[in-house]
Amino acid sequence: MRGVLYVFAALAVIGLGFWAYQENYKTQQAIKDTRLLHAKIGAAHERINILRAEWAYLNRPDRLRDLAELNFDRLGLLPLMPDAFGDVKDIIEPLPEILPITNPIDVNSIGPSNDEDPL
């Protein structure tokens, strides 16, 4: 009986060793995938920063002013001037629509008379 127990124990140790070996390789592959993903994220952040810098360079006010002057006859764009903008206080906001009163309620300090139904 002890021999069978020893064989089962040895098989269990071999099985657990095989399982641990496979889990180790799965973990190492997940770590490699994570590192690759972090590298891709870093490259994407770098590309985003480069695109933001290019956008800021292309939207320089002096460049846009020169482009507006060059293409005035075709586009009719005027250069931006500080006096071209208005104040917020000059904006006229529309008044809200006043809805008609369709079901008026009589409110007074005197309660209903004896001959009237309170409800």
Protein backbone atom coordinates (compact mmCIF):
# COMPACT_ATOMS: atom_id res chain seq x y z
CA MET A 1 0.00 0.00 0.00
CA ARG A 2 2.88 2.34 0.74
CA GLY A 3 4.27 1.77 -2.73
CA VAL A 4 1.06 2.95 -4.36
CA LEU A 5 1.03 6.01 -2.10
CA TYR A 6 4.61 6.82 -3.06
CA VAL A 7 3.79 6.47 -6.78
CA PHE A 8 0.77 8.79 -6.43
CA ALA A 9 2.85 11.30 -4.47
CA ALA A 10 5.59 11.19 -7.12
CA LEU A 11 3.02 11.64 -9.91
CA ALA A 12 1.47 14.57 -8.02
CA VAL A 13 4.89 16.20 -7.65
CA ILE A 14 5.63 15.68 -11.35
CA GLY A 15 2.19 17.05 -12.32
CA LEU A 16 2.58 20.11 -10.09
CA GLY A 17 6.07 20.69 -11.46
CA PHE A 18 4.75 20.53 -15.03
CA TRP A 19 1.93 22.94 -14.12
CA ALA A 20 4.36 25.37 -12.45
CA TYR A 21 6.66 25.18 -15.48
CA GLN A 22 3.82 26.11 -17.86
CA GLU A 23 2.61 28.93 -15.59
CA ASN A 24 6.16 30.30 -15.50
CA TYR A 25 6.28 30.47 -19.30
CA LYS A 26 2.80 32.07 -19.46
CA THR A 27 3.90 34.69 -16.93
CA GLN A 28 7.11 35.46 -18.85
CA GLN A 29 5.09 35.84 -22.08
CA ALA A 30 2.64 38.20 -20.34
CA ILE A 31 5.56 40.29 -19.05
CA LYS A 32 7.01 40.48 -22.59
CA ASP A 33 3.62 41.51 -23.99
CA THR A 34 3.27 44.17 -21.29
CA ARG A 35 6.71 45.60 -22.05
CA LEU A 36 5.90 45.69 -25.77
CA LEU A 37 2.59 47.43 -25.03
CA HIS A 38 4.34 50.00 -22.82
CA ALA A 39 6.83 50.67 -25.63
CA LYS A 40 3.96 51.19 -28.09
CA ILE A 41 2.22 53.55 -25.65
CA GLY A 42 5.44 55.53 -25.24
CA ALA A 43 5.84 55.81 -29.02
CA ALA A 44 2.22 56.96 -29.34
CA HIS A 45 2.76 59.63 -26.67
CA GLU A 46 5.86 60.80 -28.53
CA ARG A 47 3.92 61.02 -31.79
CA ILE A 48 1.14 62.97 -30.06
CA ASN A 49 3.66 65.44 -28.63
CA ILE A 50 5.25 65.89 -32.06
CA LEU A 51 1.83 66.49 -33.65
CA ARG A 52 0.96 69.03 -30.96
CA ALA A 53 4.21 70.86 -31.59
CA GLU A 54 3.57 70.87 -35.36
CA TRP A 55 0.01 72.13 -34.79
CA ALA A 56 1.29 74.95 -32.59
CA TYR A 57 3.91 75.82 -35.21
CA LEU A 58 1.33 75.89 -38.02
CA ASN A 59 -1.11 78.00 -36.00
CA ARG A 60 1.30 80.83 -35.24
CA PRO A 61 -0.57 84.15 -35.46
CA ASP A 62 2.02 85.73 -37.77
CA ARG A 63 1.85 82.78 -40.18
CA LEU A 64 -1.95 82.83 -40.22
CA ARG A 65 -1.93 86.58 -40.77
CA ASP A 66 0.42 86.19 -43.76
CA LEU A 67 -1.76 83.42 -45.21
CA ALA A 68 -4.87 85.56 -44.82
CA GLU A 69 -3.16 88.42 -46.65
CA LEU A 70 -1.89 86.15 -49.45
CA ASN A 71 -5.31 84.60 -50.04
CA PHE A 72 -7.45 87.69 -49.43
CA ASP A 73 -8.70 87.91 -53.01
CA ARG A 74 -9.73 84.24 -53.02
CA LEU A 75 -11.03 83.77 -49.47
CA GLY A 76 -11.86 87.29 -48.32
CA LEU A 77 -10.36 86.70 -44.88
CA LEU A 78 -9.45 89.74 -42.88
CA PRO A 79 -6.52 89.75 -40.50
CA LEU A 80 -7.41 89.36 -36.85
CA MET A 81 -7.35 92.63 -34.99
CA PRO A 82 -8.10 93.21 -31.32
CA ASP A 83 -10.92 95.61 -32.13
CA ALA A 84 -12.65 92.97 -34.29
CA PHE A 85 -13.94 91.24 -31.19
CA GLY A 86 -16.92 92.37 -29.14
CA ASP A 87 -17.63 92.27 -25.43
CA VAL A 88 -19.65 89.59 -23.76
CA LYS A 89 -21.99 92.21 -22.36
CA ASP A 90 -22.98 93.15 -25.95
CA ILE A 91 -24.48 89.72 -26.61
CA ILE A 92 -28.26 89.82 -26.61
CA GLU A 93 -29.71 86.67 -25.18
CA PRO A 94 -33.23 85.68 -26.21
CA LEU A 95 -35.90 85.92 -23.53
CA PRO A 96 -37.51 82.66 -22.49
CA GLU A 97 -40.89 81.98 -24.02
CA ILE A 98 -43.77 82.86 -21.69
CA LEU A 99 -46.26 80.04 -21.70
CA PRO A 100 -49.99 80.83 -21.48
CA ILE A 101 -51.82 80.03 -18.26
CA THR A 102 -54.29 77.30 -19.18
CA ASN A 103 -55.42 76.08 -15.75
CA PRO A 104 -55.49 78.97 -13.25
CA ILE A 105 -55.71 78.25 -9.54
CA ASP A 106 -57.57 80.64 -7.28
CA VAL A 107 -55.38 81.34 -4.27
CA ASN A 108 -56.72 83.56 -1.50
CA SER A 109 -56.63 83.70 2.27
CA ILE A 110 -60.32 82.93 2.66
CA GLY A 111 -61.17 79.25 2.68
CA PRO A 112 -63.96 77.75 0.63
CA SER A 113 -67.51 78.61 1.58
CA ASN A 114 -69.78 75.99 3.12
CA ASP A 115 -71.61 75.32 -0.11
CA GLU A 116 -68.44 74.76 -2.19
CA ASP A 117 -66.60 71.47 -2.35
CA PRO A 118 -63.00 71.98 -1.13
CA LEU A 119 -61.70 69.45 -3.62
